[in-house]
Amino acid sequence: MCQPVLSLEEIFSLIEDDIRWMAHASQSFAEIAQGMPDGDEKRHIQSLAVCYRECEKNRRVLIERMQRRAAAG
């Protein structure tokens, strides 16, 4: 069975969509946490915002490295 193959541009596009989604999620969690009283739930929501922000940063590094390698190769 032959699996579909994505072009490099399609892969970049998917990762960029993922980056935008994670940035939005991070911002949304941060905004939700701002309106919450201090406590465990607020800290949990804040940690989710941080996690999504870190994932976003990691994806940005990934796509930058992939683009550099594609340009070099």
N, C-alpha and C. Protein backbone atom coordinates (compact mmCIF):
# COMPACT_ATOMS: atom_id res chain seq x y z
N MET A 1 0.85 -1.17 0.00
CA MET A 1 0.00 0.00 0.00
C MET A 1 0.90 1.24 0.00
N CYS A 2 0.65 2.12 -0.91
CA CYS A 2 1.45 3.32 -1.07
C CYS A 2 0.88 4.45 -0.21
N GLN A 3 1.74 5.06 0.61
CA GLN A 3 1.30 6.16 1.45
C GLN A 3 1.53 7.47 0.73
N PRO A 4 0.63 8.42 0.92
CA PRO A 4 0.82 9.71 0.26
C PRO A 4 2.06 10.42 0.81
N VAL A 5 2.71 11.15 -0.05
CA VAL A 5 3.91 11.89 0.32
C VAL A 5 3.61 13.38 0.22
N LEU A 6 3.95 14.10 1.26
CA LEU A 6 3.73 15.54 1.27
C LEU A 6 4.97 16.25 0.73
N SER A 7 4.74 17.34 0.06
CA SER A 7 5.86 18.15 -0.38
C SER A 7 6.43 18.89 0.83
N LEU A 8 7.64 19.39 0.67
CA LEU A 8 8.26 20.14 1.75
C LEU A 8 7.45 21.37 2.10
N GLU A 9 6.91 22.04 1.10
CA GLU A 9 6.08 23.23 1.35
C GLU A 9 4.81 22.86 2.11
N GLU A 10 4.23 21.70 1.81
CA GLU A 10 3.04 21.26 2.55
C GLU A 10 3.39 20.95 4.01
N ILE A 11 4.55 20.36 4.22
CA ILE A 11 5.00 20.08 5.60
C ILE A 11 5.21 21.39 6.35
N PHE A 12 5.88 22.36 5.71
CA PHE A 12 6.09 23.67 6.35
C PHE A 12 4.75 24.31 6.69
N SER A 13 3.81 24.23 5.79
CA SER A 13 2.50 24.82 6.00
C SER A 13 1.78 24.18 7.19
N LEU A 14 1.86 22.87 7.31
CA LEU A 14 1.24 22.17 8.43
C LEU A 14 1.88 22.57 9.76
N ILE A 15 3.20 22.68 9.76
CA ILE A 15 3.89 23.08 10.99
C ILE A 15 3.55 24.51 11.34
N GLU A 16 3.48 25.39 10.34
CA GLU A 16 3.11 26.79 10.60
C GLU A 16 1.68 26.89 11.14
N ASP A 17 0.77 26.07 10.63
CA ASP A 17 -0.59 26.02 11.18
C ASP A 17 -0.56 25.60 12.65
N ASP A 18 0.27 24.60 12.94
CA ASP A 18 0.43 24.11 14.31
C ASP A 18 0.98 25.21 15.21
N ILE A 19 1.94 25.97 14.71
CA ILE A 19 2.52 27.08 15.48
C ILE A 19 1.45 28.11 15.81
N ARG A 20 0.65 28.48 14.81
CA ARG A 20 -0.42 29.47 15.05
C ARG A 20 -1.43 28.95 16.07
N TRP A 21 -1.79 27.67 15.97
CA TRP A 21 -2.75 27.09 16.89
C TRP A 21 -2.20 27.12 18.32
N MET A 22 -0.93 26.75 18.48
CA MET A 22 -0.33 26.73 19.81
C MET A 22 -0.19 28.13 20.39
N ALA A 23 0.15 29.10 19.55
CA ALA A 23 0.24 30.48 20.02
C ALA A 23 -1.12 30.97 20.50
N HIS A 24 -2.16 30.64 19.75
CA HIS A 24 -3.51 31.04 20.14
C HIS A 24 -3.92 30.36 21.46
N ALA A 25 -3.63 29.07 21.57
CA ALA A 25 -3.98 28.34 22.79
C ALA A 25 -3.24 28.92 24.00
N SER A 26 -1.97 29.20 23.82
CA SER A 26 -1.18 29.79 24.91
C SER A 26 -1.77 31.12 25.36
N GLN A 27 -2.10 31.95 24.40
CA GLN A 27 -2.68 33.26 24.72
C GLN A 27 -4.03 33.10 25.41
N SER A 28 -4.84 32.18 24.93
CA SER A 28 -6.16 31.95 25.53
C SER A 28 -6.04 31.48 26.98
N PHE A 29 -5.14 30.53 27.23
CA PHE A 29 -4.95 30.05 28.61
C PHE A 29 -4.44 31.17 29.51
N ALA A 30 -3.53 31.99 28.99
CA ALA A 30 -3.00 33.11 29.79
C ALA A 30 -4.12 34.09 30.14
N GLU A 31 -4.99 34.38 29.18
CA GLU A 31 -6.10 35.30 29.43
C GLU A 31 -7.09 34.72 30.43
N ILE A 32 -7.37 33.44 30.32
CA ILE A 32 -8.28 32.78 31.26
C ILE A 32 -7.70 32.86 32.68
N ALA A 33 -6.41 32.57 32.79
CA ALA A 33 -5.76 32.57 34.11
C ALA A 33 -5.78 33.95 34.75
N GLN A 34 -5.69 35.01 33.95
CA GLN A 34 -5.70 36.37 34.50
C GLN A 34 -6.97 36.65 35.28
N GLY A 35 -8.08 36.12 34.83
CA GLY A 35 -9.35 36.40 35.48
C GLY A 35 -9.71 35.46 36.61
N MET A 36 -8.82 34.55 36.93
CA MET A 36 -9.11 33.56 37.97
C MET A 36 -8.52 33.97 39.31
N PRO A 37 -9.17 33.54 40.38
CA PRO A 37 -8.57 33.78 41.70
C PRO A 37 -7.34 32.89 41.87
N ASP A 38 -6.43 33.33 42.73
CA ASP A 38 -5.23 32.53 42.99
C ASP A 38 -5.62 31.16 43.53
N GLY A 39 -4.83 30.17 43.17
CA GLY A 39 -5.09 28.82 43.65
C GLY A 39 -4.55 27.79 42.67
N ASP A 40 -4.83 26.53 42.96
CA ASP A 40 -4.32 25.43 42.15
C ASP A 40 -4.83 25.48 40.71
N GLU A 41 -6.10 25.80 40.53
CA GLU A 41 -6.66 25.83 39.17
C GLU A 41 -5.97 26.91 38.33
N LYS A 42 -5.74 28.07 38.93
CA LYS A 42 -5.07 29.15 38.21
C LYS A 42 -3.65 28.73 37.83
N ARG A 43 -2.94 28.13 38.76
CA ARG A 43 -1.57 27.68 38.47
C ARG A 43 -1.57 26.63 37.37
N HIS A 44 -2.55 25.76 37.37
CA HIS A 44 -2.66 24.72 36.33
C HIS A 44 -2.88 25.37 34.96
N ILE A 45 -3.79 26.32 34.88
CA ILE A 45 -4.07 27.01 33.62
C ILE A 45 -2.83 27.80 33.17
N GLN A 46 -2.13 28.42 34.10
CA GLN A 46 -0.91 29.14 33.75
C GLN A 46 0.16 28.18 33.22
N SER A 47 0.23 27.00 33.82
CA SER A 47 1.23 26.02 33.34
C SER A 47 0.87 25.52 31.94
N LEU A 48 -0.42 25.42 31.64
CA LEU A 48 -0.82 25.05 30.28
C LEU A 48 -0.40 26.12 29.28
N ALA A 49 -0.56 27.38 29.66
CA ALA A 49 -0.14 28.48 28.79
C ALA A 49 1.36 28.40 28.52
N VAL A 50 2.13 28.12 29.55
CA VAL A 50 3.59 28.01 29.40
C VAL A 50 3.95 26.81 28.51
N CYS A 51 3.28 25.69 28.73
CA CYS A 51 3.56 24.49 27.92
C CYS A 51 3.29 24.74 26.44
N TYR A 52 2.16 25.35 26.14
CA TYR A 52 1.85 25.64 24.74
C TYR A 52 2.83 26.64 24.15
N ARG A 53 3.26 27.60 24.94
CA ARG A 53 4.25 28.58 24.47
C ARG A 53 5.57 27.88 24.15
N GLU A 54 5.99 26.95 25.01
CA GLU A 54 7.23 26.21 24.77
C GLU A 54 7.11 25.33 23.53
N CYS A 55 5.97 24.69 23.35
CA CYS A 55 5.76 23.88 22.15
C CYS A 55 5.82 24.75 20.89
N GLU A 56 5.21 25.92 20.98
CA GLU A 56 5.25 26.86 19.85
C GLU A 56 6.70 27.22 19.52
N LYS A 57 7.49 27.55 20.53
CA LYS A 57 8.89 27.91 20.30
C LYS A 57 9.66 26.73 19.68
N ASN A 58 9.42 25.52 20.19
CA ASN A 58 10.11 24.35 19.65
C ASN A 58 9.75 24.12 18.19
N ARG A 59 8.49 24.32 17.83
CA ARG A 59 8.08 24.15 16.43
C ARG A 59 8.72 25.21 15.54
N ARG A 60 8.85 26.43 16.08
CA ARG A 60 9.52 27.50 15.31
C ARG A 60 10.97 27.13 15.02
N VAL A 61 11.66 26.59 16.02
CA VAL A 61 13.04 26.16 15.83
C VAL A 61 13.09 25.03 14.79
N LEU A 62 12.18 24.08 14.90
CA LEU A 62 12.12 22.97 13.96
C LEU A 62 11.97 23.46 12.53
N ILE A 63 11.02 24.34 12.30
CA ILE A 63 10.77 24.79 10.94
C ILE A 63 11.94 25.63 10.41
N GLU A 64 12.57 26.41 11.27
CA GLU A 64 13.74 27.19 10.85
C GLU A 64 14.87 26.26 10.43
N ARG A 65 15.11 25.22 11.21
CA ARG A 65 16.17 24.25 10.87
C ARG A 65 15.84 23.51 9.58
N MET A 66 14.61 23.11 9.43
CA MET A 66 14.20 22.42 8.21
C MET A 66 14.35 23.31 6.98
N GLN A 67 13.99 24.57 7.11
CA GLN A 67 14.11 25.49 6.00
C GLN A 67 15.58 25.75 5.64
N ARG A 68 16.43 25.86 6.65
CA ARG A 68 17.87 26.04 6.38
C ARG A 68 18.45 24.83 5.65
N ARG A 69 18.09 23.63 6.11
CA ARG A 69 18.59 22.41 5.48
C ARG A 69 18.06 22.28 4.05
N ALA A 70 16.81 22.65 3.86
CA ALA A 70 16.22 22.57 2.52
C ALA A 70 16.93 23.54 1.58
N ALA A 71 17.24 24.73 2.08
CA ALA A 71 17.92 25.72 1.26
C ALA A 71 19.36 25.29 0.95
N ALA A 72 19.99 24.61 1.89
CA ALA A 72 21.38 24.19 1.70
C ALA A 72 21.48 22.94 0.82
N GLY A 73 20.42 22.14 0.83
CA GLY A 73 20.51 20.85 0.14
C GLY A 73 19.81 20.85 -1.14
